[in-house]
Amino acid sequence: MNQENIIGVKNLTKTYGKNRGIIDINLDVHRGEVFGYLGPNGAGKTTTIRLLLDFIRPSSGSATIFGLDTRQSSVAVHRRLGYLPGELAVYSDLTGEEFLKYIANLRGDVDWHFVDGLVKRLEADLKRKLRTLSHGNRQKIGLIQAFMHQPELVMLDEPTTGLDPLMQQEFYRLVEEVKARGGTVFLSSHIIPEVERVCDRVGIIREGRLVAVETIDALKSRAARRLEIHFAGLVDKSIFAALPGIRELKIDNNILSCSIIGSLDTLIKTAARYEVVNVISRETSLEDVFLTYYAEEKKIA
């Protein structure tokens, strides 16, 4: 079954003189999915989002949102999406309520009953001036303006910065509700558990290049898995060292520990030649995947 692309990116590149921005990004985001864009600060996440929103222009390449060219049809695109920047710029002398009403008047067609529900759920203070609010409380106002018109697509740049754990959980519920009604979420983050918690697929960006785009389960299946095997007696280390995918192999006091990429079949069959007392396997996390990709970068460097 063909999936409808909400975001389409082809060879998108942005350079700043001699400085790197992003390089040849190719990416599709499907309707109804939560897509995580994962990388450390400075990897190119915000640059990608700003290009998609036509806040800056690419050096080369192109992008579409809702099938519309993001440069030629930027106004039409913006009407149908919600956006939270990494650094929310606000009119600091306005109260939260005044700011939201200003944004609502610009957008039109905002259901204030829905907005009131968001305010209560996020425990936002709309009576104080924005300049008096902490970063976390300003972030709540930013989330409300991104979700308030129930857009088809929500683009979020580091959305949970400054939120306490309870509000983070409420944010995750908001994301799940967008998906449940058929909307799409593009979420950039450097917080790995956050991406693993809410996203269907993830793109890993490293030094401006997209190095992987997969479902989280598929990525985890290719990551190094930690394994510990306890034997009743001595084993031959060289036999295990020769197995495919084995890394960081150690044997101490008849306990073999290693990381392995790929299938466990050969390792388990080799271990079965000896008397095995116990096997301990740590579940692979998205963080393991992320660290694997950045470890490869260091080796290349």
Protein backbone atom coordinates (compact mmCIF):
# COMPACT_ATOMS: atom_id res chain seq x y z
CA MET A 1 0.00 0.00 0.00
CA ASN A 2 1.38 3.39 -1.02
CA GLN A 3 1.83 5.85 1.80
CA GLU A 4 1.09 9.52 1.29
CA ASN A 5 4.10 11.72 1.82
CA ILE A 6 3.45 14.84 3.87
CA ILE A 7 7.10 15.96 3.72
CA GLY A 8 9.38 15.21 0.79
CA VAL A 9 13.01 16.28 0.73
CA LYS A 10 15.37 15.83 -2.24
CA ASN A 11 19.11 16.50 -2.06
CA LEU A 12 18.55 19.40 0.32
CA THR A 13 21.80 21.22 1.05
CA LYS A 14 22.65 24.38 2.94
CA THR A 15 26.18 25.70 3.33
CA TYR A 16 27.30 28.83 5.13
CA GLY A 17 30.44 29.82 3.25
CA LYS A 18 33.11 27.41 4.43
CA ASN A 19 30.89 26.21 7.28
CA ARG A 20 28.74 23.10 7.04
CA GLY A 21 24.97 23.23 7.33
CA ILE A 22 23.31 20.13 5.90
CA ILE A 23 24.41 18.05 2.92
CA ASP A 24 22.24 16.13 0.43
CA ILE A 25 19.36 15.30 2.76
CA ASN A 26 16.79 12.94 1.20
CA LEU A 27 13.77 12.17 3.31
CA ASP A 28 10.06 11.33 3.17
CA VAL A 29 7.66 11.68 6.11
CA HIS A 30 4.33 9.89 5.77
CA ARG A 31 0.87 10.98 6.75
CA GLY A 32 -0.16 9.78 10.20
CA GLU A 33 3.32 9.05 11.54
CA VAL A 34 5.46 10.57 14.26
CA PHE A 35 8.90 11.07 12.78
CA GLY A 36 11.88 11.68 15.04
CA TYR A 37 14.87 13.66 13.80
CA LEU A 38 17.68 12.70 16.10
CA GLY A 39 21.12 14.21 16.53
CA PRO A 40 23.27 16.17 18.96
CA ASN A 41 23.18 19.94 19.09
CA GLY A 42 24.82 21.34 15.97
CA ALA A 43 24.16 18.29 13.81
CA GLY A 44 21.80 20.16 11.45
CA LYS A 45 18.33 19.52 12.88
CA THR A 46 17.26 23.15 13.18
CA THR A 47 18.76 24.05 9.80
CA THR A 48 16.64 21.33 8.18
CA ILE A 49 13.46 22.60 9.82
CA ARG A 50 14.16 26.23 8.93
CA LEU A 51 14.69 25.20 5.30
CA LEU A 52 11.44 23.24 5.27
CA LEU A 53 9.60 26.28 6.59
CA ASP A 54 11.29 28.62 4.07
CA PHE A 55 12.83 30.72 6.82
CA ILE A 56 16.16 30.26 5.04
CA ARG A 57 16.85 29.27 1.46
CA PRO A 58 18.77 26.14 0.41
CA SER A 59 22.07 26.19 -1.45
CA SER A 60 20.64 23.35 -3.57
CA GLY A 61 17.92 20.75 -3.49
CA SER A 62 14.18 21.08 -2.87
CA ALA A 63 11.41 20.20 -0.45
CA THR A 64 7.64 19.79 -0.49
CA ILE A 65 5.06 19.78 2.29
CA PHE A 66 1.51 18.57 1.51
CA GLY A 67 2.79 18.15 -2.06
CA LEU A 68 3.44 21.90 -2.30
CA ASP A 69 6.83 23.42 -2.99
CA THR A 70 7.96 24.93 0.30
CA ARG A 71 9.41 28.02 -1.39
CA GLN A 72 6.71 28.79 -3.96
CA SER A 73 3.78 27.95 -1.66
CA SER A 74 5.15 28.80 1.79
CA VAL A 75 2.07 30.78 2.88
CA ALA A 76 -0.31 27.97 1.96
CA VAL A 77 1.96 25.45 3.71
CA HIS A 78 2.17 27.52 6.90
CA ARG A 79 -1.64 27.74 7.14
CA ARG A 80 -1.84 23.96 7.55
CA LEU A 81 0.91 23.32 10.09
CA GLY A 82 1.88 24.16 13.64
CA TYR A 83 5.45 24.99 14.58
CA LEU A 84 7.45 25.27 17.77
CA PRO A 85 10.98 26.64 17.29
CA GLY A 86 13.90 25.64 19.45
CA GLU A 87 14.09 29.21 20.72
CA LEU A 88 10.61 30.71 21.00
CA ALA A 89 10.60 34.41 20.07
CA VAL A 90 7.68 36.17 21.77
CA TYR A 91 6.41 39.66 22.40
CA SER A 92 7.67 39.78 25.96
CA ASP A 93 5.35 42.55 27.17
CA LEU A 94 2.26 40.54 26.25
CA THR A 95 0.62 38.15 28.66
CA GLY A 96 0.28 34.53 27.61
CA GLU A 97 -3.40 35.11 26.86
CA GLU A 98 -2.68 38.17 24.73
CA PHE A 99 0.00 36.31 22.80
CA LEU A 100 -2.25 33.33 22.06
CA LYS A 101 -5.11 35.60 20.95
CA TYR A 102 -2.72 37.47 18.68
CA ILE A 103 -1.59 34.21 17.07
CA ALA A 104 -5.19 32.99 16.84
CA ASN A 105 -6.24 36.20 15.06
CA LEU A 106 -3.43 35.73 12.55
CA ARG A 107 -4.43 32.11 11.93
CA GLY A 108 -8.21 32.31 12.21
CA ASP A 109 -10.51 29.34 12.82
CA VAL A 110 -9.24 28.52 16.32
CA ASP A 111 -11.56 26.69 18.71
CA TRP A 112 -11.09 28.41 22.08
CA HIS A 113 -12.74 25.55 23.92
CA PHE A 114 -9.90 23.36 22.61
CA VAL A 115 -7.34 26.02 23.58
CA ASP A 116 -8.75 26.19 27.11
CA GLY A 117 -8.31 22.43 27.35
CA LEU A 118 -4.65 22.73 26.33
CA VAL A 119 -4.10 25.48 28.90
CA LYS A 120 -5.50 23.30 31.67
CA ARG A 121 -3.61 20.20 30.61
CA LEU A 122 -0.28 22.01 30.45
CA GLU A 123 -1.06 24.10 33.56
CA ALA A 124 -0.06 27.25 31.67
CA ASP A 125 -0.25 30.68 33.32
CA LEU A 126 -1.81 33.05 30.80
CA LYS A 127 -2.13 36.07 33.11
CA ARG A 128 1.55 36.90 33.56
CA LYS A 129 3.67 38.75 31.03
CA LEU A 130 5.80 36.42 28.98
CA ARG A 131 9.04 38.10 30.06
CA THR A 132 8.31 37.08 33.66
CA LEU A 133 7.91 33.38 32.86
CA SER A 134 10.56 30.71 33.28
CA HIS A 135 11.80 28.93 30.17
CA GLY A 136 9.63 25.92 30.95
CA ASN A 137 6.48 28.02 31.33
CA ARG A 138 7.21 29.90 28.10
CA GLN A 139 7.64 26.50 26.45
CA LYS A 140 4.10 25.60 27.50
CA ILE A 141 2.80 28.72 25.75
CA GLY A 142 4.80 27.75 22.68
CA LEU A 143 3.32 24.25 22.65
CA ILE A 144 -0.20 25.64 22.96
CA GLN A 145 0.26 27.93 19.94
CA ALA A 146 1.67 25.00 17.92
CA PHE A 147 -1.27 22.69 18.70
CA MET A 148 -4.11 25.21 19.18
CA HIS A 149 -5.51 25.13 15.62
CA GLN A 150 -5.34 21.31 15.38
CA PRO A 151 -3.05 21.35 12.34
CA GLU A 152 -2.45 18.53 9.86
CA LEU A 153 1.29 18.67 10.56
CA VAL A 154 3.10 19.72 13.72
CA MET A 155 6.80 20.53 13.48
CA LEU A 156 8.59 20.66 16.82
CA ASP A 157 12.21 21.61 17.46
CA GLU A 158 13.39 20.29 20.87
CA PRO A 159 9.82 20.54 22.24
CA THR A 160 10.29 19.34 25.84
CA THR A 161 13.17 21.65 26.79
CA GLY A 162 12.45 23.04 30.24
CA LEU A 163 9.34 20.92 30.88
CA ASP A 164 9.11 18.95 34.09
CA PRO A 165 8.50 15.17 33.84
CA LEU A 166 4.73 15.44 34.35
CA MET A 167 4.39 18.00 31.57
CA GLN A 168 6.59 15.87 29.32
CA GLN A 169 4.11 13.03 29.75
CA GLU A 170 1.25 15.39 28.85
CA PHE A 171 3.18 16.46 25.76
CA TYR A 172 3.56 12.82 24.72
CA ARG A 173 -0.21 12.41 25.01
CA LEU A 174 -0.73 15.46 22.76
CA VAL A 175 1.53 13.89 20.14
CA GLU A 176 -0.36 10.59 20.34
CA GLU A 177 -3.66 12.44 19.88
CA VAL A 178 -2.41 14.16 16.72
CA LYS A 179 -1.44 10.77 15.32
CA ALA A 180 -4.79 9.23 16.36
CA ARG A 181 -6.71 11.82 14.32
CA GLY A 182 -4.54 11.18 11.25
CA GLY A 183 -2.16 14.09 11.68
CA THR A 184 1.61 14.00 11.32
CA VAL A 185 4.36 15.06 13.72
CA PHE A 186 7.96 15.92 12.83
CA LEU A 187 9.94 16.10 16.05
CA SER A 188 13.60 17.02 16.32
CA SER A 189 15.41 16.11 19.51
CA HIS A 190 18.72 15.15 21.05
CA ILE A 191 16.88 13.38 23.90
CA ILE A 192 17.00 9.73 22.88
CA PRO A 193 14.39 8.28 25.33
CA GLU A 194 11.93 10.93 24.10
CA VAL A 195 12.31 9.86 20.47
CA GLU A 196 12.10 6.19 21.40
CA ARG A 197 8.97 6.86 23.47
CA VAL A 198 6.81 8.55 20.82
CA CYS A 199 8.22 8.04 17.32
CA ASP A 200 7.35 5.50 14.64
CA ARG A 201 10.44 6.13 12.54
CA VAL A 202 13.61 8.03 13.18
CA GLY A 203 16.26 9.75 11.08
CA ILE A 204 19.74 10.06 12.55
CA ILE A 205 21.66 13.13 11.39
CA ARG A 206 25.41 13.29 11.91
CA GLU A 207 27.60 16.23 10.92
CA GLY A 208 24.94 17.50 8.53
CA ARG A 209 24.35 14.18 6.80
CA LEU A 210 21.40 11.83 7.22
CA VAL A 211 23.06 8.51 8.09
CA ALA A 212 19.97 6.37 8.78
CA VAL A 213 16.20 6.42 8.36
CA GLU A 214 14.38 3.42 9.78
CA THR A 215 11.71 2.26 12.14
CA ILE A 216 13.05 2.17 15.66
CA ASP A 217 12.75 -1.63 15.81
CA ALA A 218 14.72 -2.01 12.56
CA LEU A 219 17.47 0.29 13.79
CA LYS A 220 17.68 -1.50 17.11
CA SER A 221 17.97 -4.87 15.38
CA ARG A 222 21.21 -3.70 13.75
CA ALA A 223 22.73 -2.15 16.84
CA ALA A 224 25.37 -3.78 19.01
CA ARG A 225 23.70 -5.91 21.68
CA ARG A 226 25.42 -6.57 25.00
CA LEU A 227 25.59 -10.22 25.98
CA GLU A 228 27.03 -12.09 28.95
CA ILE A 229 27.41 -15.88 29.01
CA HIS A 230 28.39 -17.76 32.18
CA PHE A 231 30.13 -21.10 31.62
CA ALA A 232 30.75 -23.98 34.03
CA GLY A 233 34.41 -24.23 32.99
CA LEU A 234 37.12 -22.81 30.77
CA VAL A 235 36.35 -21.84 27.17
CA ASP A 236 38.58 -21.05 24.19
CA LYS A 237 38.50 -17.29 23.65
CA SER A 238 39.92 -17.56 20.13
CA ILE A 239 36.91 -19.53 18.93
CA PHE A 240 34.55 -16.75 19.98
CA ALA A 241 36.83 -13.97 18.73
CA ALA A 242 36.57 -15.41 15.21
CA LEU A 243 32.76 -15.23 15.10
CA PRO A 244 31.09 -12.61 12.88
CA GLY A 245 29.80 -9.44 14.53
CA ILE A 246 31.65 -9.94 17.82
CA ARG A 247 33.10 -6.84 19.47
CA GLU A 248 34.66 -5.98 22.84
CA LEU A 249 35.12 -9.65 23.73
CA LYS A 250 36.29 -10.43 27.27
CA ILE A 251 36.45 -13.67 29.24
CA ASP A 252 37.01 -13.48 32.96
CA ASN A 253 36.32 -16.20 35.58
CA ASN A 254 34.52 -18.30 32.94
CA ILE A 255 32.23 -15.37 32.11
CA LEU A 256 32.19 -14.21 28.51
CA SER A 257 31.04 -10.66 27.83
CA CYS A 258 30.82 -9.04 24.43
CA SER A 259 28.74 -6.90 22.13
CA ILE A 260 27.42 -8.38 18.93
CA ILE A 261 25.90 -6.87 15.80
CA GLY A 262 23.50 -9.01 13.79
CA SER A 263 22.25 -12.52 14.42
CA LEU A 264 22.99 -14.32 17.69
CA ASP A 265 22.64 -17.74 16.07
CA THR A 266 26.35 -18.52 15.52
CA LEU A 267 27.34 -17.25 18.96
CA ILE A 268 24.66 -19.31 20.72
CA LYS A 269 25.53 -22.47 18.78
CA THR A 270 29.22 -22.00 19.61
CA ALA A 271 28.45 -21.44 23.29
CA ALA A 272 26.37 -24.64 23.28
CA ARG A 273 29.55 -26.66 22.78
CA TYR A 274 30.30 -25.90 26.43
CA GLU A 275 28.24 -26.20 29.60
CA VAL A 276 26.35 -22.92 29.92
CA VAL A 277 25.23 -21.82 33.38
CA ASN A 278 23.51 -18.54 32.54
CA VAL A 279 22.92 -16.09 29.69
CA ILE A 280 22.23 -12.38 30.28
CA SER A 281 21.21 -10.17 27.37
CA ARG A 282 20.57 -6.45 27.66
CA GLU A 283 17.78 -5.13 25.44
CA THR A 284 19.05 -2.83 22.73
CA SER A 285 17.90 0.76 23.06
CA LEU A 286 17.84 3.58 20.54
CA GLU A 287 20.69 5.10 22.53
CA ASP A 288 22.81 2.06 21.63
CA VAL A 289 22.06 2.70 17.95
CA PHE A 290 22.87 6.39 18.27
CA LEU A 291 26.17 5.74 20.02
CA THR A 292 27.08 3.11 17.43
CA TYR A 293 26.72 5.63 14.61
CA TYR A 294 28.75 8.27 16.42
CA ALA A 295 31.43 5.74 17.36
CA GLU A 296 31.76 4.99 13.63
CA GLU A 297 32.20 8.72 12.97
CA LYS A 298 35.08 8.89 15.43
CA LYS A 299 36.77 5.92 13.77
CA ILE A 300 36.46 7.62 10.38
CA ALA A 301 37.86 10.85 11.81
